[in-house]
Amino acid sequence: MVKIAVLKENTSGELRVAATPDSVKKYIALGATVSVQSGAGAGSSISDADYAAAGATIESTPTQGADIILAVRPPQQSAISGAKENALLIGMLEPYGNRESFSLYNHNKLAAFSLELLPRISRAQSMDVLSSQSNLAGYRAVIDAVALLGKAVPMMMTAAGTVAPAKALVLGAGVAGLQAIATAKRLGAMVSAFDVRPAVKEQVESLGAKFVEVPAEESGETSGGYAKEMSEDYKRKQSQLIHDTIIKQDIVISTALIPGKPAPVLITEDMVKGMK
């Protein structure tokens, strides 16, 4: 019988867990046994008793004899010791920025499946961790920004006069950026958005935001639909455009990414000093 181990996350501030009681029931229905590390679900308000009620066993070292190990973030050596040879480790293993961990997995003779590398195609949508988490990140970024802003976001018409709506700029119009635009619009902000891919202009405008665009002949989109690194001439024009736009904003949210590379630095210290 296959044993599945669910790890407690050891990364500071990580509140997620790799399996819920509902998914535990599904694994057991498929004929597997499930062992959950004690306290694994505490950050997500799931108790050990909830897992036990779903049919899981609660252990301090669930990887002992495990065939499959489920984690959210890359686990430490102490968390994966005791697993069977050729056991599967599945999670968001940060393959681009955390390569030393894969030497650890090799040393422990584990087969590692990093979910960030899963093709984003229709038949894999139910396993697309990037889109689901990016959606939440875009939403939460706006909620946090509004909480810190200290002023009303929508236009307020009162007997004492009219308060202008807050202005928000979103850099990057992928999954996180589009969710940030939609959330800011729902809260009543005047929203502008920038992206190197002209093809997303229609999506941005369909959400009621203004598309801020750098006139250029080169395309900022790869064949897979992702953003790519642009030329130095484009970057100069882009920096000036963002500078001229950012000084008028109350909120700026950056979601821009280039897969496999460090995120582009779009907001400089001088730009921040020029803001209200």
Protein backbone atom coordinates (compact mmCIF):
# COMPACT_ATOMS: atom_id res chain seq x y z
CA MET A 1 0.00 0.00 0.00
CA VAL A 2 1.33 3.44 -0.95
CA LYS A 3 2.14 5.73 1.98
CA ILE A 4 1.71 9.48 1.46
CA ALA A 5 3.39 11.86 3.90
CA VAL A 6 2.20 15.46 4.38
CA LEU A 7 4.89 17.72 5.83
CA LYS A 8 4.63 20.64 8.22
CA GLU A 9 6.19 23.68 6.55
CA ASN A 10 9.42 24.96 8.12
CA THR A 11 9.78 28.22 6.15
CA SER A 12 9.20 31.28 8.35
CA GLY A 13 5.81 32.87 7.65
CA GLU A 14 4.55 29.96 5.53
CA LEU A 15 0.98 29.19 6.62
CA ARG A 16 -0.07 26.88 3.81
CA VAL A 17 -0.23 23.08 3.94
CA ALA A 18 0.16 20.58 1.10
CA ALA A 19 -3.06 18.62 1.79
CA THR A 20 -6.43 19.27 3.39
CA PRO A 21 -8.78 16.77 5.07
CA ASP A 22 -10.77 16.66 1.81
CA SER A 23 -7.73 15.69 -0.26
CA VAL A 24 -6.70 13.17 2.41
CA LYS A 25 -10.07 11.44 1.96
CA LYS A 26 -9.47 11.27 -1.80
CA TYR A 27 -6.02 9.70 -1.35
CA ILE A 28 -7.41 7.11 1.04
CA ALA A 29 -10.26 6.35 -1.39
CA LEU A 30 -7.58 5.56 -3.99
CA GLY A 31 -6.08 2.96 -1.62
CA ALA A 32 -3.25 4.96 -0.05
CA THR A 33 -2.46 5.52 3.61
CA VAL A 34 -1.81 9.12 4.66
CA SER A 35 0.43 10.33 7.48
CA VAL A 36 0.34 13.99 8.44
CA GLN A 37 3.07 15.66 10.46
CA SER A 38 1.68 16.96 13.73
CA GLY A 39 0.75 20.64 13.49
CA ALA A 40 1.01 20.71 9.66
CA GLY A 41 -2.34 22.41 9.21
CA ALA A 42 -2.20 24.85 12.13
CA GLY A 43 -1.37 27.86 9.92
CA SER A 44 -4.40 27.09 7.75
CA SER A 45 -6.72 26.58 10.74
CA ILE A 46 -6.78 22.78 10.24
CA SER A 47 -6.24 20.76 13.41
CA ASP A 48 -4.64 17.34 13.80
CA ALA A 49 -8.09 16.11 14.85
CA ASP A 50 -9.52 17.25 11.50
CA TYR A 51 -6.94 15.15 9.65
CA ALA A 52 -7.51 12.18 11.95
CA ALA A 53 -11.26 12.40 11.32
CA ALA A 54 -10.52 12.23 7.58
CA GLY A 55 -8.60 8.97 8.11
CA ALA A 56 -5.01 10.17 8.36
CA THR A 57 -2.55 9.16 11.03
CA ILE A 58 -0.70 11.93 12.87
CA GLU A 59 3.06 11.42 13.23
CA SER A 60 6.06 13.49 14.26
CA THR A 61 8.14 11.95 11.42
CA PRO A 62 5.64 11.00 8.69
CA THR A 63 8.29 10.45 5.99
CA GLN A 64 9.48 7.22 7.64
CA GLY A 65 8.77 4.61 4.97
CA ALA A 66 6.88 7.11 2.75
CA ASP A 67 6.46 6.52 -0.99
CA ILE A 68 5.20 10.04 -1.73
CA ILE A 69 6.05 13.24 0.18
CA LEU A 70 3.85 16.31 -0.23
CA ALA A 71 5.17 19.77 0.67
CA VAL A 72 4.42 23.39 -0.17
CA ARG A 73 8.00 24.71 0.01
CA PRO A 74 11.41 22.94 -0.22
CA PRO A 75 11.82 20.70 2.88
CA GLN A 76 14.97 20.43 4.98
CA GLN A 77 17.07 17.29 5.37
CA SER A 78 15.49 16.41 8.71
CA ALA A 79 12.03 16.46 7.11
CA ILE A 80 12.77 14.00 4.29
CA SER A 81 15.06 11.48 5.99
CA GLY A 82 13.60 8.01 6.30
CA ALA A 83 11.67 8.06 3.02
CA LYS A 84 11.94 5.06 0.74
CA GLU A 85 14.53 5.04 -2.02
CA ASN A 86 13.06 6.58 -5.19
CA ALA A 87 10.19 8.11 -3.22
CA LEU A 88 8.44 11.04 -4.92
CA LEU A 89 8.74 14.56 -3.48
CA ILE A 90 6.05 16.87 -4.85
CA GLY A 91 5.72 20.60 -4.11
CA MET A 92 6.75 24.11 -5.10
CA LEU A 93 10.47 23.37 -4.91
CA GLU A 94 11.79 26.68 -6.33
CA PRO A 95 13.91 25.10 -9.09
CA TYR A 96 15.32 28.38 -10.38
CA GLY A 97 16.50 29.92 -7.13
CA ASN A 98 17.05 26.94 -4.85
CA ARG A 99 19.12 24.49 -6.87
CA GLU A 100 21.25 23.37 -3.93
CA SER A 101 18.19 21.59 -2.55
CA PHE A 102 18.19 19.24 -5.53
CA SER A 103 21.63 17.95 -4.49
CA LEU A 104 19.97 17.12 -1.17
CA TYR A 105 17.15 15.29 -2.92
CA ASN A 106 19.66 13.36 -5.03
CA HIS A 107 21.61 12.45 -1.89
CA ASN A 108 18.39 11.07 -0.39
CA LYS A 109 17.59 9.30 -3.69
CA LEU A 110 14.28 11.11 -4.12
CA ALA A 111 12.49 11.87 -7.39
CA ALA A 112 11.54 15.56 -7.17
CA PHE A 113 8.56 17.04 -9.04
CA SER A 114 8.55 20.84 -8.92
CA LEU A 115 5.03 22.05 -9.65
CA GLU A 116 6.27 25.43 -10.94
CA LEU A 117 7.54 23.60 -14.04
CA LEU A 118 4.21 21.94 -14.81
CA PRO A 119 3.08 22.97 -18.33
CA ARG A 120 0.26 25.52 -18.12
CA ILE A 121 -2.02 23.72 -20.55
CA SER A 122 -5.75 22.99 -20.44
CA ARG A 123 -5.53 19.39 -19.21
CA ALA A 124 -3.19 20.40 -16.37
CA GLN A 125 -5.27 23.32 -15.10
CA SER A 126 -6.34 21.50 -11.92
CA MET A 127 -2.66 21.22 -10.96
CA ASP A 128 -1.67 24.79 -11.88
CA VAL A 129 -0.34 26.14 -8.59
CA LEU A 130 1.12 29.26 -10.19
CA SER A 131 -2.20 30.68 -11.41
CA SER A 132 -4.08 29.97 -8.18
CA GLN A 133 -1.42 31.54 -5.98
CA SER A 134 -0.85 34.49 -8.34
CA ASN A 135 -4.57 35.22 -8.23
CA LEU A 136 -4.45 35.41 -4.46
CA ALA A 137 -1.27 37.50 -4.50
CA GLY A 138 -2.80 40.11 -6.82
CA TYR A 139 -5.92 40.34 -4.66
CA ARG A 140 -4.02 40.52 -1.38
CA ALA A 141 -1.60 43.15 -2.70
CA VAL A 142 -4.49 45.57 -3.28
CA ILE A 143 -6.15 44.80 0.07
CA ASP A 144 -2.88 45.42 1.93
CA ALA A 145 -2.15 48.60 -0.05
CA VAL A 146 -5.61 50.05 0.64
CA ALA A 147 -5.28 49.24 4.34
CA LEU A 148 -2.00 51.17 4.47
CA LEU A 149 -3.08 54.08 2.27
CA GLY A 150 -4.95 55.96 4.95
CA LYS A 151 -7.54 57.57 2.67
CA ALA A 152 -10.78 56.60 0.95
CA VAL A 153 -10.29 54.74 -2.32
CA PRO A 154 -13.54 55.47 -4.23
CA MET A 155 -14.78 58.93 -5.13
CA MET A 156 -16.78 60.32 -2.19
CA MET A 157 -19.46 62.94 -2.80
CA THR A 158 -20.44 64.62 0.44
CA ALA A 159 -22.17 67.80 1.56
CA ALA A 160 -18.73 69.19 2.34
CA GLY A 161 -17.39 68.49 -1.14
CA THR A 162 -16.08 65.74 -3.38
CA VAL A 163 -13.10 63.52 -2.56
CA ALA A 164 -11.27 62.32 -5.68
CA PRO A 165 -10.74 58.56 -6.07
CA ALA A 166 -7.34 57.06 -5.35
CA LYS A 167 -5.11 56.33 -8.33
CA ALA A 168 -3.49 52.90 -8.65
CA LEU A 169 -0.83 51.70 -11.10
CA VAL A 170 -0.30 47.97 -11.67
CA LEU A 171 2.96 46.88 -13.29
CA GLY A 172 2.54 43.59 -15.10
CA ALA A 173 -0.77 42.28 -16.43
CA GLY A 174 -0.44 38.55 -15.97
CA VAL A 175 -2.65 36.53 -13.64
CA ALA A 176 -1.62 38.50 -10.51
CA GLY A 177 -1.75 41.84 -12.29
CA LEU A 178 -5.19 41.31 -13.79
CA GLN A 179 -6.56 40.27 -10.41
CA ALA A 180 -4.97 43.38 -8.83
CA ILE A 181 -6.59 45.58 -11.50
CA ALA A 182 -10.00 43.97 -10.97
CA THR A 183 -9.77 44.28 -7.18
CA ALA A 184 -8.66 47.92 -7.28
CA LYS A 185 -11.48 48.74 -9.70
CA ARG A 186 -14.05 47.04 -7.47
CA LEU A 187 -12.85 49.20 -4.59
CA GLY A 188 -13.37 52.33 -6.68
CA ALA A 189 -9.82 53.32 -7.66
CA MET A 190 -8.78 54.86 -10.97
CA VAL A 191 -6.50 52.14 -12.33
CA SER A 192 -3.70 52.21 -14.89
CA ALA A 193 -1.63 49.20 -15.92
CA PHE A 194 1.65 48.64 -17.72
CA ASP A 195 2.94 45.53 -19.48
CA VAL A 196 5.58 44.88 -22.12
CA ARG A 197 3.09 42.70 -24.04
CA PRO A 198 0.79 44.80 -26.26
CA ALA A 199 -1.52 41.77 -26.56
CA VAL A 200 -2.78 42.23 -22.99
CA LYS A 201 -4.08 45.75 -23.69
CA GLU A 202 -7.54 44.42 -24.50
CA GLN A 203 -7.67 42.44 -21.24
CA VAL A 204 -6.59 45.47 -19.19
CA GLU A 205 -9.15 47.75 -20.84
CA SER A 206 -11.91 45.13 -20.47
CA LEU A 207 -11.44 45.48 -16.69
CA GLY A 208 -11.89 49.25 -16.91
CA ALA A 209 -8.24 50.22 -16.54
CA LYS A 210 -6.11 52.50 -18.72
CA PHE A 211 -3.25 50.74 -20.54
CA VAL A 212 0.09 52.55 -20.23
CA GLU A 213 2.17 51.60 -23.25
CA VAL A 214 5.74 52.16 -24.46
CA PRO A 215 5.69 52.70 -28.26
CA ALA A 216 8.01 50.02 -29.65
CA GLU A 217 8.47 47.79 -32.66
CA GLU A 218 9.74 44.80 -30.66
CA SER A 219 7.38 42.33 -29.05
CA GLY A 220 7.61 41.74 -25.31
CA GLU A 221 5.97 38.32 -25.51
CA THR A 222 7.47 34.84 -25.92
CA SER A 223 5.84 32.17 -28.06
CA GLY A 224 4.44 30.72 -24.82
CA GLY A 225 2.69 33.97 -23.93
CA TYR A 226 5.08 35.02 -21.15
CA ALA A 227 6.90 38.33 -20.86
CA LYS A 228 10.51 38.41 -22.04
CA GLU A 229 13.49 40.65 -21.33
CA MET A 230 13.53 43.75 -23.53
CA SER A 231 16.31 45.74 -25.24
CA GLU A 232 18.23 48.50 -23.45
CA ASP A 233 16.56 51.16 -25.62
CA TYR A 234 13.13 49.87 -24.63
CA LYS A 235 14.14 49.78 -20.96
CA ARG A 236 15.15 53.46 -21.07
CA LYS A 237 11.81 54.46 -22.57
CA GLN A 238 10.01 52.20 -20.11
CA SER A 239 11.79 53.73 -17.12
CA GLN A 240 10.89 57.26 -18.20
CA LEU A 241 7.26 56.33 -18.79
CA ILE A 242 6.93 54.64 -15.41
CA HIS A 243 8.62 57.62 -13.73
CA ASP A 244 6.21 60.07 -15.35
CA THR A 245 3.21 57.90 -14.42
CA ILE A 246 4.20 56.88 -10.90
CA ILE A 247 4.44 60.44 -9.52
CA LYS A 248 0.67 60.81 -9.98
CA GLN A 249 -0.25 57.58 -8.18
CA ASP A 250 -1.43 56.79 -4.66
CA ILE A 251 -0.78 53.05 -4.99
CA VAL A 252 1.73 51.15 -7.12
CA ILE A 253 1.70 47.36 -7.30
CA SER A 254 4.41 45.46 -9.16
CA THR A 255 3.66 41.93 -10.36
CA ALA A 256 6.11 41.81 -13.29
CA LEU A 257 8.04 38.56 -13.69
CA ILE A 258 10.30 36.86 -16.23
CA PRO A 259 10.13 33.05 -15.81
CA GLY A 260 13.46 31.61 -14.70
CA LYS A 261 15.09 35.00 -14.08
CA PRO A 262 15.05 37.61 -11.30
CA ALA A 263 12.05 39.92 -11.47
CA PRO A 264 12.81 43.15 -13.37
CA VAL A 265 13.49 46.21 -11.20
CA LEU A 266 10.91 48.69 -12.49
CA ILE A 267 10.60 51.05 -9.51
CA THR A 268 13.71 53.01 -8.51
CA GLU A 269 14.39 54.97 -5.35
CA ASP A 270 14.11 58.26 -7.28
CA MET A 271 10.66 57.23 -8.54
CA VAL A 272 9.51 56.55 -4.98
CA LYS A 273 10.85 59.93 -3.81
CA GLY A 274 8.82 61.61 -6.53
CA MET A 275 5.54 60.09 -5.33
CA LYS A 276 3.01 61.96 -3.21
